[in-house]
Each structure stands twice: as C-alpha cells, then as structure tokens.
Amino acid sequence: MSEPTTPLMQQYNAVKTRYPHALLLFRLGDFYELFYEDAIIAARELQITLTSRNREKGQPIPMCGVPYHAADGYIARLIRAGFKIASGDVSFRGHPNGAILLDREERELHRRGSVSIWSC
C-alpha cells in the first residue's frame, strides 16, 4: 500500500498500521468498507462484489463493503473462517471555527474465541 493522499485513506492507513494482521472494516456512512488486500480477501470469503474506489497515484483501490446494520453476520462469518477483524468507527471532534470534523478510530478487535458484542 503506497502512502495515501486523501484524508479518508490517511485515516484508514493510520488504523490499519496498528492492526496489520486483521481485516479492517471502516465505517463510511451506512456501510463498513474494506480496502486493498482486505477487500480482496473479504469479497472472496463473503462472496460479495469487489469494486474499486478513486485512484490512488493512478491505481484503483480495491474495495468492498457490507451494510452496517448487517455487519454482525458478515463479521461472524469472517471470524469463523479464522480471520481477525478490526473495526473503525466515526468519532466527532470540534474544530476552533465551529466545524465538526469526522475522525475514524479503531473500535474493537474481534477474533475467534474473543468476547465481543458481535455474535459468532
């Protein structure tokens, strides 16, 4: 993965570097998205469509996603298949000029045998 150029992909990269051995589900609106190699793996395992995001330095970014309201089932399937899962959710922080900035930070790490809010 090359150095990202957009704020979104910089946030993704910052969380992903902390969890390199986990598939990272990154919350974007109503979906949890996966990018790069994580997307390729998840699309294959979950039998969902692999697509791509804007180009990063001329190369399309592999991407797939699942609706956030159905994420539990998809995560359970990935955990049962032996994958570790990290999830990044939106957090809000204020800016001095009154604007609200969206940050995405890791929420949880899920793996087989872990106790979490997600059913397996």
Protein backbone atom coordinates (compact mmCIF):
# COMPACT_ATOMS: atom_id res chain seq x y z
CA MET A 1 0.00 0.00 0.00
CA SER A 2 1.52 3.34 -1.01
CA GLU A 3 1.28 6.50 1.10
CA PRO A 4 -2.35 7.67 0.84
CA THR A 5 -3.15 11.12 -0.48
CA THR A 6 -6.74 11.70 0.70
CA PRO A 7 -7.74 12.40 4.33
CA LEU A 8 -10.05 9.37 4.36
CA MET A 9 -7.37 6.99 3.18
CA GLN A 10 -4.86 8.57 5.57
CA GLN A 11 -7.25 7.78 8.44
CA TYR A 12 -7.71 4.25 7.12
CA ASN A 13 -3.95 3.75 6.83
CA ALA A 14 -3.37 5.07 10.37
CA VAL A 15 -5.77 2.49 11.85
CA LYS A 16 -4.61 -0.32 9.54
CA THR A 17 -0.96 0.11 10.54
CA ARG A 18 -1.98 -0.64 14.16
CA TYR A 19 -3.73 -3.86 13.08
CA PRO A 20 -1.79 -5.21 10.09
CA HIS A 21 -2.90 -8.82 10.65
CA ALA A 22 -6.61 -8.03 10.93
CA LEU A 23 -9.16 -7.26 8.25
CA LEU A 24 -10.21 -3.66 8.85
CA LEU A 25 -13.88 -2.75 8.43
CA PHE A 26 -14.02 1.02 8.17
CA ARG A 27 -17.33 2.79 8.71
CA LEU A 28 -18.36 5.10 5.86
CA GLY A 29 -21.95 6.24 6.16
CA ASP A 30 -24.26 3.23 6.12
CA PHE A 31 -21.52 0.74 5.24
CA TYR A 32 -18.41 -0.85 6.64
CA GLU A 33 -15.87 -0.76 3.83
CA LEU A 34 -12.72 -2.77 3.34
CA PHE A 35 -9.87 -1.64 1.11
CA TYR A 36 -6.78 -3.01 -0.63
CA GLU A 37 -5.89 -6.64 0.19
CA ASP A 38 -8.53 -6.75 2.95
CA ALA A 39 -11.20 -6.05 0.31
CA ILE A 40 -9.92 -8.80 -1.98
CA ILE A 41 -9.93 -11.33 0.86
CA ALA A 42 -13.32 -10.30 2.26
CA ALA A 43 -15.00 -10.23 -1.15
CA ARG A 44 -13.77 -13.76 -1.84
CA GLU A 45 -14.70 -15.11 1.62
CA LEU A 46 -18.10 -13.41 1.82
CA GLN A 47 -18.91 -13.83 -1.88
CA ILE A 48 -19.68 -10.13 -2.28
CA THR A 49 -18.80 -7.78 -5.10
CA LEU A 50 -15.27 -6.42 -5.30
CA THR A 51 -15.20 -2.93 -6.73
CA SER A 52 -12.76 -0.03 -6.54
CA ARG A 53 -12.51 3.43 -5.07
CA ASN A 54 -10.91 6.53 -6.56
CA ARG A 55 -7.48 6.06 -7.93
CA GLU A 56 -4.55 6.48 -5.57
CA LYS A 57 -1.50 7.59 -7.55
CA GLY A 58 -3.04 6.27 -10.76
CA GLN A 59 -4.05 2.89 -9.35
CA PRO A 60 -7.64 1.94 -8.40
CA ILE A 61 -8.09 0.97 -4.75
CA PRO A 62 -9.84 -2.41 -4.36
CA MET A 63 -12.94 -2.01 -2.19
CA CYS A 64 -15.92 -3.96 -0.92
CA GLY A 65 -18.46 -3.26 1.79
CA VAL A 66 -21.33 -4.52 3.89
CA PRO A 67 -24.27 -2.56 5.33
CA TYR A 68 -23.58 -1.57 8.93
CA HIS A 69 -26.93 -2.95 10.11
CA ALA A 70 -25.96 -6.39 8.78
CA ALA A 71 -22.29 -6.28 9.76
CA ASP A 72 -22.66 -8.71 12.69
CA GLY A 73 -23.41 -11.64 10.40
CA TYR A 74 -20.59 -10.84 7.99
CA ILE A 75 -18.10 -10.39 10.82
CA ALA A 76 -19.18 -13.67 12.40
CA ARG A 77 -18.57 -15.45 9.08
CA LEU A 78 -15.09 -13.96 8.77
CA ILE A 79 -14.23 -14.87 12.36
CA ARG A 80 -15.47 -18.44 11.84
CA ALA A 81 -13.20 -18.59 8.77
CA GLY A 82 -10.26 -17.73 11.05
CA PHE A 83 -9.78 -14.03 10.38
CA LYS A 84 -9.15 -11.32 12.96
CA ILE A 85 -11.36 -8.28 12.47
CA ALA A 86 -10.72 -4.68 13.46
CA SER A 87 -13.44 -2.10 13.05
CA GLY A 88 -13.05 1.62 12.65
CA ASP A 89 -15.97 3.86 13.52
CA VAL A 90 -16.64 7.56 13.21
CA SER A 91 -15.93 9.85 16.12
CA PHE A 92 -16.65 13.55 16.10
CA ARG A 93 -14.49 16.38 17.32
CA GLY A 94 -14.98 20.08 17.20
CA HIS A 95 -12.80 22.49 15.27
CA PRO A 96 -11.98 26.01 16.55
CA ASN A 97 -14.09 27.56 13.77
CA GLY A 98 -17.15 25.56 14.87
CA ALA A 99 -16.97 22.92 12.15
CA ILE A 100 -17.35 19.27 13.05
CA LEU A 101 -14.58 17.01 11.83
CA LEU A 102 -15.05 13.26 11.33
CA ASP A 103 -12.36 11.05 12.73
CA ARG A 104 -12.34 7.31 12.38
CA GLU A 105 -10.65 5.30 15.05
CA GLU A 106 -10.46 1.64 15.89
CA ARG A 107 -13.37 0.42 17.91
CA GLU A 108 -12.69 -3.23 18.57
CA LEU A 109 -10.56 -6.16 17.57
CA HIS A 110 -12.50 -9.38 17.04
CA ARG A 111 -11.10 -12.87 16.69
CA ARG A 112 -12.20 -16.41 17.30
CA GLY A 113 -12.64 -17.03 20.99
CA SER A 114 -12.82 -13.35 21.92
CA VAL A 115 -15.67 -11.92 23.87
CA SER A 116 -17.26 -9.09 21.98
CA ILE A 117 -20.58 -7.56 21.17
CA TRP A 118 -20.63 -9.46 17.87
CA SER A 119 -22.18 -12.88 17.79
CA CYS A 120 -20.29 -15.76 16.29
